[in-house]
Amino acid sequence: MLQLKNINTFYGKIQALWDVSLQIEEGKIVSLVGANGAGKTTTLMSICGAIPINSGQILFEGKEIQTLKPDQIVRLGISQVPEGRLIFPDLTVKENLDLGAYLRNDKQGIKEDLDYLFDMFPIIGRRQNQQGGTLSGGEQQMLAISRALMARPKLLLLDEPSLGLAPIVIKQIFDIIMRVNEKGTTVFLVEQNANQALKISHYGYVIENGRIAMSASSEELLANEDIRKAYLGM
């Protein structure tokens, strides 16, 4: 579904990604794990067009997208849940969700998706008239995921969904990610919490200092001694 071929991305004169290549198969959960500053978020920002790449190719369903604007990429079927959630705190939960569907005009489909999300996240449904900023961190993460799903993406990009959340809430969020995938959405999961990410994903990449250092099935990465010592605390 998605291919990155030798991506090089810079912040000014500082190179952040070095010949990054990876691929994501349709219907799978693929994880990108690594330490802070390794290049995980830059990889997502390069995919969604927020940061222009300097060289390389990004292909979505066989079509080059690296020259497209972010809204054009969303129209193709890629939505991102950014690090830190970045909901609109002064808007209601419902208004945040409406913004997720801003490219759509199928009123009945939008209503059906809202019903589906309120069934998946009952607390979001109960609080749909509250301001987003009044929600807890875990509830805001649920809202951010819901907002992205309102665009009906084929590919969902998740940037550090466990960041700043309590362990019990993290488990809820990862259960939700699996459920979203089971419903047919392909997921690219960027996480510092390598243990949790690899446990729910099918395939994984390890990024170090802007370079892909290793890739394998998630089971193989979880069993790898170097990965266990460096990222799993074992």
C-alpha atoms as a PDB file:
ATOM      1  CA  MET A   1       0.000   0.000   0.000  1.00  0.00           C
ATOM      2  CA  LEU A   2       2.773   2.442   0.955  1.00  0.00           C
ATOM      3  CA  GLN A   3       6.408   2.459  -0.092  1.00  0.00           C
ATOM      4  CA  LEU A   4       9.220   4.768   0.938  1.00  0.00           C
ATOM      5  CA  LYS A   5      12.269   4.560  -1.307  1.00  0.00           C
ATOM      6  CA  ASN A   6      15.538   6.124  -0.171  1.00  0.00           C
ATOM      7  CA  ILE A   7      13.953   9.106   1.578  1.00  0.00           C
ATOM      8  CA  ASN A   8      16.258  11.921   2.652  1.00  0.00           C
ATOM      9  CA  THR A   9      14.720  14.727   4.698  1.00  0.00           C
ATOM     10  CA  PHE A  10      16.382  17.828   6.137  1.00  0.00           C
ATOM     11  CA  TYR A  11      15.546  20.504   8.685  1.00  0.00           C
ATOM     12  CA  GLY A  12      17.418  23.398   7.143  1.00  0.00           C
ATOM     13  CA  LYS A  13      20.964  22.111   6.735  1.00  0.00           C
ATOM     14  CA  ILE A  14      20.539  19.306   9.266  1.00  0.00           C
ATOM     15  CA  GLN A  15      19.732  15.914   7.773  1.00  0.00           C
ATOM     16  CA  ALA A  16      17.087  14.014   9.737  1.00  0.00           C
ATOM     17  CA  LEU A  17      16.431  10.973   7.505  1.00  0.00           C
ATOM     18  CA  TRP A  18      19.087   9.080   5.574  1.00  0.00           C
ATOM     19  CA  ASP A  19      17.945   6.836   2.696  1.00  0.00           C
ATOM     20  CA  VAL A  20      14.928   5.560   4.616  1.00  0.00           C
ATOM     21  CA  SER A  21      13.153   2.748   2.793  1.00  0.00           C
ATOM     22  CA  LEU A  22      10.196   0.768   4.071  1.00  0.00           C
ATOM     23  CA  GLN A  23       6.894  -0.676   2.943  1.00  0.00           C
ATOM     24  CA  ILE A  24       3.487  -1.221   4.457  1.00  0.00           C
ATOM     25  CA  GLU A  25       1.218  -3.992   3.222  1.00  0.00           C
ATOM     26  CA  GLU A  26      -2.517  -3.433   3.014  1.00  0.00           C
ATOM     27  CA  GLY A  27      -4.448  -4.685   6.019  1.00  0.00           C
ATOM     28  CA  LYS A  28      -1.428  -4.883   8.316  1.00  0.00           C
ATOM     29  CA  ILE A  29      -0.192  -3.028  11.387  1.00  0.00           C
ATOM     30  CA  VAL A  30       3.414  -1.983  10.838  1.00  0.00           C
ATOM     31  CA  SER A  31       5.478  -0.418  13.637  1.00  0.00           C
ATOM     32  CA  LEU A  32       8.377   1.998  13.455  1.00  0.00           C
ATOM     33  CA  VAL A  33      10.219   1.981  16.766  1.00  0.00           C
ATOM     34  CA  GLY A  34      13.229   3.877  18.037  1.00  0.00           C
ATOM     35  CA  ALA A  35      14.501   6.289  20.652  1.00  0.00           C
ATOM     36  CA  ASN A  36      13.586   9.960  20.969  1.00  0.00           C
ATOM     37  CA  GLY A  37      15.090  11.939  18.101  1.00  0.00           C
ATOM     38  CA  ALA A  38      15.667   8.863  15.942  1.00  0.00           C
ATOM     39  CA  GLY A  39      13.506  10.170  13.086  1.00  0.00           C
ATOM     40  CA  LYS A  40      10.153   8.523  13.740  1.00  0.00           C
ATOM     41  CA  THR A  41       7.992  11.653  13.625  1.00  0.00           C
ATOM     42  CA  THR A  42       9.986  13.052  10.687  1.00  0.00           C
ATOM     43  CA  THR A  43       9.154   9.878   8.767  1.00  0.00           C
ATOM     44  CA  LEU A  44       5.428  10.429   9.337  1.00  0.00           C
ATOM     45  CA  MET A  45       5.655  14.128   8.523  1.00  0.00           C
ATOM     46  CA  SER A  46       7.418  13.254   5.275  1.00  0.00           C
ATOM     47  CA  ILE A  47       4.661  10.812   4.335  1.00  0.00           C
ATOM     48  CA  CYS A  48       1.807  13.236   5.017  1.00  0.00           C
ATOM     49  CA  GLY A  49       3.498  16.141   3.222  1.00  0.00           C
ATOM     50  CA  ALA A  50       4.026  18.347   6.263  1.00  0.00           C
ATOM     51  CA  ILE A  51       7.793  18.293   5.679  1.00  0.00           C
ATOM     52  CA  PRO A  52       9.039  18.158   2.073  1.00  0.00           C
ATOM     53  CA  ILE A  53      11.587  15.469   1.331  1.00  0.00           C
ATOM     54  CA  ASN A  54      14.826  16.360  -0.403  1.00  0.00           C
ATOM     55  CA  SER A  55      15.131  13.159  -2.416  1.00  0.00           C
ATOM     56  CA  GLY A  56      13.569   9.740  -2.787  1.00  0.00           C
ATOM     57  CA  GLN A  57      10.080   8.475  -3.588  1.00  0.00           C
ATOM     58  CA  ILE A  58       6.901   7.961  -1.576  1.00  0.00           C
ATOM     59  CA  LEU A  59       4.317   5.793  -3.304  1.00  0.00           C
ATOM     60  CA  PHE A  60       0.773   5.204  -2.087  1.00  0.00           C
ATOM     61  CA  GLU A  61      -1.089   2.483  -3.966  1.00  0.00           C
ATOM     62  CA  GLY A  62       1.526   2.813  -6.697  1.00  0.00           C
ATOM     63  CA  LYS A  63       1.161   6.585  -7.120  1.00  0.00           C
ATOM     64  CA  GLU A  64       3.932   9.040  -6.230  1.00  0.00           C
ATOM     65  CA  ILE A  65       2.734  11.436  -3.534  1.00  0.00           C
ATOM     66  CA  GLN A  66       5.891  13.215  -2.350  1.00  0.00           C
ATOM     67  CA  THR A  67       5.032  16.366  -4.334  1.00  0.00           C
ATOM     68  CA  LEU A  68       1.415  16.553  -3.154  1.00  0.00           C
ATOM     69  CA  LYS A  69       0.074  18.941  -0.528  1.00  0.00           C
ATOM     70  CA  PRO A  70      -1.169  17.533   2.792  1.00  0.00           C
ATOM     71  CA  ASP A  71      -4.869  17.989   1.937  1.00  0.00           C
ATOM     72  CA  GLN A  72      -4.361  16.146  -1.361  1.00  0.00           C
ATOM     73  CA  ILE A  73      -2.729  13.279   0.522  1.00  0.00           C
ATOM     74  CA  VAL A  74      -5.689  13.109   2.918  1.00  0.00           C
ATOM     75  CA  ARG A  75      -8.031  12.921  -0.073  1.00  0.00           C
ATOM     76  CA  LEU A  76      -6.134   9.851  -1.302  1.00  0.00           C
ATOM     77  CA  GLY A  77      -6.858   8.051   1.973  1.00  0.00           C
ATOM     78  CA  ILE A  78      -4.062   8.807   4.463  1.00  0.00           C
ATOM     79  CA  SER A  79      -4.883  10.330   7.865  1.00  0.00           C
ATOM     80  CA  GLN A  80      -2.524  11.074  10.739  1.00  0.00           C
ATOM     81  CA  VAL A  81      -3.014  11.188  14.494  1.00  0.00           C
ATOM     82  CA  PRO A  82      -0.206  13.550  15.522  1.00  0.00           C
ATOM     83  CA  GLU A  83       2.052  13.296  18.537  1.00  0.00           C
ATOM     84  CA  GLY A  84       0.467  15.085  21.486  1.00  0.00           C
ATOM     85  CA  ARG A  85      -3.003  14.565  19.943  1.00  0.00           C
ATOM     86  CA  LEU A  86      -3.431  18.241  18.921  1.00  0.00           C
ATOM     87  CA  ILE A  87      -7.187  18.303  19.253  1.00  0.00           C
ATOM     88  CA  PHE A  88      -8.934  21.683  19.203  1.00  0.00           C
ATOM     89  CA  PRO A  89      -9.438  22.284  22.954  1.00  0.00           C
ATOM     90  CA  ASP A  90     -11.974  25.110  22.640  1.00  0.00           C
ATOM     91  CA  LEU A  91     -14.204  23.186  20.239  1.00  0.00           C
ATOM     92  CA  THR A  92     -16.608  20.513  21.387  1.00  0.00           C
ATOM     93  CA  VAL A  93     -15.908  16.834  20.862  1.00  0.00           C
ATOM     94  CA  LYS A  94     -18.548  16.780  18.115  1.00  0.00           C
ATOM     95  CA  GLU A  95     -17.009  19.811  16.402  1.00  0.00           C
ATOM     96  CA  ASN A  96     -13.589  18.142  16.456  1.00  0.00           C
ATOM     97  CA  LEU A  97     -15.108  15.097  14.785  1.00  0.00           C
ATOM     98  CA  ASP A  98     -16.905  17.229  12.203  1.00  0.00           C
ATOM     99  CA  LEU A  99     -13.560  18.747  11.242  1.00  0.00           C
ATOM    100  CA  GLY A 100     -12.227  15.244  10.636  1.00  0.00           C
ATOM    101  CA  ALA A 101     -14.891  14.836   7.953  1.00  0.00           C
ATOM    102  CA  TYR A 102     -14.353  18.247   6.343  1.00  0.00           C
ATOM    103  CA  LEU A 103     -13.499  16.713   2.933  1.00  0.00           C
ATOM    104  CA  ARG A 104     -16.695  14.644   2.860  1.00  0.00           C
ATOM    105  CA  ASN A 105     -20.230  15.584   1.815  1.00  0.00           C
ATOM    106  CA  ASP A 106     -22.013  12.250   2.335  1.00  0.00           C
ATOM    107  CA  LYS A 107     -24.237  13.220   5.264  1.00  0.00           C
ATOM    108  CA  GLN A 108     -25.633   9.750   5.826  1.00  0.00           C
ATOM    109  CA  GLY A 109     -22.176   8.178   5.767  1.00  0.00           C
ATOM    110  CA  ILE A 110     -20.883  10.780   8.220  1.00  0.00           C
ATOM    111  CA  LYS A 111     -23.782  10.036  10.580  1.00  0.00           C
ATOM    112  CA  GLU A 112     -23.099   6.303  10.332  1.00  0.00           C
ATOM    113  CA  ASP A 113     -19.419   6.832  11.092  1.00  0.00           C
ATOM    114  CA  LEU A 114     -20.262   8.994  14.115  1.00  0.00           C
ATOM    115  CA  ASP A 115     -22.572   6.257  15.418  1.00  0.00           C
ATOM    116  CA  TYR A 116     -19.816   3.684  14.836  1.00  0.00           C
ATOM    117  CA  LEU A 117     -17.231   5.779  16.696  1.00  0.00           C
ATOM    118  CA  PHE A 118     -19.583   6.530  19.583  1.00  0.00           C
ATOM    119  CA  ASP A 119     -20.145   2.769  19.851  1.00  0.00           C
ATOM    120  CA  MET A 120     -16.385   2.146  19.852  1.00  0.00           C
ATOM    121  CA  PHE A 121     -15.696   5.038  22.253  1.00  0.00           C
ATOM    122  CA  PRO A 122     -18.834   5.356  24.435  1.00  0.00           C
ATOM    123  CA  ILE A 123     -17.270   8.035  26.619  1.00  0.00           C
ATOM    124  CA  ILE A 124     -16.662  10.212  23.549  1.00  0.00           C
ATOM    125  CA  GLY A 125     -20.320   9.873  22.649  1.00  0.00           C
ATOM    126  CA  ARG A 126     -21.405  10.831  26.151  1.00  0.00           C
ATOM    127  CA  ARG A 127     -19.163  13.884  26.092  1.00  0.00           C
ATOM    128  CA  GLN A 128     -19.760  15.013  22.540  1.00  0.00           C
ATOM    129  CA  ASN A 129     -21.009  18.431  23.676  1.00  0.00           C
ATOM    130  CA  GLN A 130     -18.068  19.077  26.018  1.00  0.00           C
ATOM    131  CA  GLN A 131     -15.052  21.108  24.987  1.00  0.00           C
ATOM    132  CA  GLY A 132     -12.211  18.862  23.873  1.00  0.00           C
ATOM    133  CA  GLY A 133      -9.827  20.471  26.335  1.00  0.00           C
ATOM    134  CA  THR A 134     -11.883  19.205  29.294  1.00  0.00           C
ATOM    135  CA  LEU A 135     -11.202  15.550  28.425  1.00  0.00           C
ATOM    136  CA  SER A 136      -8.507  13.482  30.106  1.00  0.00           C
ATOM    137  CA  GLY A 137      -5.339  12.591  28.198  1.00  0.00           C
ATOM    138  CA  GLY A 138      -6.653   9.148  27.278  1.00  0.00           C
ATOM    139  CA  GLU A 139     -10.002  10.543  26.181  1.00  0.00           C
ATOM    140  CA  GLN A 140      -8.253  13.150  24.044  1.00  0.00           C
ATOM    141  CA  GLN A 141      -6.268  10.368  22.377  1.00  0.00           C
ATOM    142  CA  MET A 142      -9.511   8.532  21.643  1.00  0.00           C
ATOM    143  CA  LEU A 143     -10.896  11.751  20.180  1.00  0.00           C
ATOM    144  CA  ALA A 144      -7.791  12.285  18.056  1.00  0.00           C
ATOM    145  CA  ILE A 145      -8.048   8.747  16.650  1.00  0.00           C
ATOM    146  CA  SER A 146     -11.777   9.226  16.033  1.00  0.00           C
ATOM    147  CA  ARG A 147     -11.188  12.540  14.272  1.00  0.00           C
ATOM    148  CA  ALA A 148      -8.703  10.871  11.909  1.00  0.00           C
ATOM    149  CA  LEU A 149     -11.106   7.985  11.254  1.00  0.00           C
ATOM    150  CA  MET A 150     -13.851  10.433  10.254  1.00  0.00           C
ATOM    151  CA  ALA A 151     -11.932  10.942   7.004  1.00  0.00           C
ATOM    152  CA  ARG A 152     -12.412   7.204   6.282  1.00  0.00           C
ATOM    153  CA  PRO A 153      -8.689   6.612   5.705  1.00  0.00           C
ATOM    154  CA  LYS A 154      -7.279   3.552   4.025  1.00  0.00           C
ATOM    155  CA  LEU A 155      -4.043   4.126   5.951  1.00  0.00           C
ATOM    156  CA  LEU A 156      -3.927   5.504   9.500  1.00  0.00           C
ATOM    157  CA  LEU A 157      -0.662   7.043  10.724  1.00  0.00           C
ATOM    158  CA  LEU A 158      -0.286   7.055  14.518  1.00  0.00           C
ATOM    159  CA  ASP A 159       2.465   9.092  16.178  1.00  0.00           C
ATOM    160  CA  GLU A 160       3.271   8.035  19.761  1.00  0.00           C
ATOM    161  CA  PRO A 161      -0.337   7.221  20.793  1.00  0.00           C
ATOM    162  CA  SER A 162       0.812   6.050  24.255  1.00  0.00           C
ATOM    163  CA  LEU A 163       2.685   9.250  25.081  1.00  0.00           C
ATOM    164  CA  GLY A 164       1.928  10.532  28.581  1.00  0.00           C
ATOM    165  CA  LEU A 165      -0.789   7.993  29.320  1.00  0.00           C
ATOM    166  CA  ALA A 166      -1.230   5.688  32.314  1.00  0.00           C
ATOM    167  CA  PRO A 167      -0.526   1.957  31.694  1.00  0.00           C
ATOM    168  CA  ILE A 168      -4.199   0.975  31.910  1.00  0.00           C
ATOM    169  CA  VAL A 169      -5.126   3.652  29.361  1.00  0.00           C
ATOM    170  CA  ILE A 170      -2.259   2.587  27.085  1.00  0.00           C
ATOM    171  CA  LYS A 171      -3.724  -0.918  27.011  1.00  0.00           C
ATOM    172  CA  GLN A 172      -7.107   0.538  26.022  1.00  0.00           C
ATOM    173  CA  ILE A 173      -5.549   2.579  23.218  1.00  0.00           C
ATOM    174  CA  PHE A 174      -3.641  -0.389  21.793  1.00  0.00           C
ATOM    175  CA  ASP A 175      -6.778  -2.555  21.988  1.00  0.00           C
ATOM    176  CA  ILE A 176      -8.546   0.160  19.982  1.00  0.00           C
ATOM    177  CA  ILE A 177      -5.762   0.202  17.376  1.00  0.00           C
ATOM    178  CA  MET A 178      -6.151  -3.540  16.894  1.00  0.00           C
ATOM    179  CA  ARG A 179      -9.918  -3.163  16.584  1.00  0.00           C
ATOM    180  CA  VAL A 180      -9.543  -0.417  13.965  1.00  0.00           C
ATOM    181  CA  ASN A 181      -7.194  -2.667  12.005  1.00  0.00           C
ATOM    182  CA  GLU A 182      -9.579  -5.620  12.252  1.00  0.00           C
ATOM    183  CA  LYS A 183     -12.257  -3.396  10.681  1.00  0.00           C
ATOM    184  CA  GLY A 184     -10.028  -3.041   7.607  1.00  0.00           C
ATOM    185  CA  THR A 185      -7.844   0.030   8.174  1.00  0.00           C
ATOM    186  CA  THR A 186      -4.119  -0.383   7.565  1.00  0.00           C
ATOM    187  CA  VAL A 187      -2.043   1.118  10.392  1.00  0.00           C
ATOM    188  CA  PHE A 188       1.464   2.587  10.510  1.00  0.00           C
ATOM    189  CA  LEU A 189       2.336   2.925  14.179  1.00  0.00           C
ATOM    190  CA  VAL A 190       5.245   5.070  15.363  1.00  0.00           C
ATOM    191  CA  GLU A 191       6.117   4.355  18.991  1.00  0.00           C
ATOM    192  CA  GLN A 192       8.858   4.735  21.563  1.00  0.00           C
ATOM    193  CA  ASN A 193       7.072   2.017  23.561  1.00  0.00           C
ATOM    194  CA  ALA A 194       8.557  -0.732  21.404  1.00  0.00           C
ATOM    195  CA  ASN A 195       7.267  -3.593  23.532  1.00  0.00           C
ATOM    196  CA  GLN A 196       3.610  -2.580  23.206  1.00  0.00           C
ATOM    197  CA  ALA A 197       3.925  -1.628  19.542  1.00  0.00           C
ATOM    198  CA  LEU A 198       5.584  -4.861  18.439  1.00  0.00           C
ATOM    199  CA  LYS A 199       3.109  -6.981  20.398  1.00  0.00           C
ATOM    200  CA  ILE A 200       0.191  -5.740  18.262  1.00  0.00           C
ATOM    201  CA  SER A 201       1.918  -5.257  14.907  1.00  0.00           C
ATOM    202  CA  HIS A 202       2.643  -7.706  12.120  1.00  0.00           C
ATOM    203  CA  TYR A 203       5.943  -6.232  10.999  1.00  0.00           C
ATOM    204  CA  GLY A 204       8.412  -3.768  12.449  1.00  0.00           C
ATOM    205  CA  TYR A 205      11.205  -1.397  11.537  1.00  0.00           C
ATOM    206  CA  VAL A 206      13.837  -0.041  13.906  1.00  0.00           C
ATOM    207  CA  ILE A 207      15.149   3.459  13.188  1.00  0.00           C
ATOM    208  CA  GLU A 208      18.390   4.789  14.662  1.00  0.00           C
ATOM    209  CA  ASN A 209      19.829   8.241  13.972  1.00  0.00           C
ATOM    210  CA  GLY A 210      17.623   8.709  10.936  1.00  0.00           C
ATOM    211  CA  ARG A 211      18.484   5.364   9.359  1.00  0.00           C
ATOM    212  CA  ILE A 212      16.575   2.072   9.241  1.00  0.00           C
ATOM    213  CA  ALA A 213      18.779  -0.213  11.330  1.00  0.00           C
ATOM    214  CA  MET A 214      16.700  -3.387  11.219  1.00  0.00           C
ATOM    215  CA  SER A 215      13.425  -4.792   9.948  1.00  0.00           C
ATOM    216  CA  ALA A 216      11.678  -8.102  10.488  1.00  0.00           C
ATOM    217  CA  SER A 217       8.406  -9.611  11.600  1.00  0.00           C
ATOM    218  CA  SER A 218       7.347  -8.285  14.978  1.00  0.00           C
ATOM    219  CA  GLU A 219       7.823 -11.738  16.495  1.00  0.00           C
ATOM    220  CA  GLU A 220      11.434 -11.823  15.290  1.00  0.00           C
ATOM    221  CA  LEU A 221      12.152  -8.344  16.619  1.00  0.00           C
ATOM    222  CA  LEU A 222      10.640  -9.194  20.012  1.00  0.00           C
ATOM    223  CA  ALA A 223      12.902 -12.265  20.194  1.00  0.00           C
ATOM    224  CA  ASN A 224      16.046 -10.417  19.065  1.00  0.00           C
ATOM    225  CA  GLU A 225      18.498 -10.013  21.952  1.00  0.00           C
ATOM    226  CA  ASP A 226      19.862  -6.665  20.733  1.00  0.00           C
ATOM    227  CA  ILE A 227      16.338  -5.238  20.413  1.00  0.00           C
ATOM    228  CA  ARG A 228      15.355  -6.623  23.816  1.00  0.00           C
ATOM    229  CA  LYS A 229      18.329  -4.940  25.480  1.00  0.00           C
ATOM    230  CA  ALA A 230      18.137  -1.636  23.599  1.00  0.00           C
ATOM    231  CA  TYR A 231      14.374  -1.028  23.480  1.00  0.00           C
ATOM    232  CA  LEU A 232      12.527  -3.493  25.688  1.00  0.00           C
ATOM    233  CA  GLY A 233      14.570  -3.139  28.889  1.00  0.00           C
ATOM    234  CA  MET A 234      15.241  -6.866  29.066  1.00  0.00           C
END
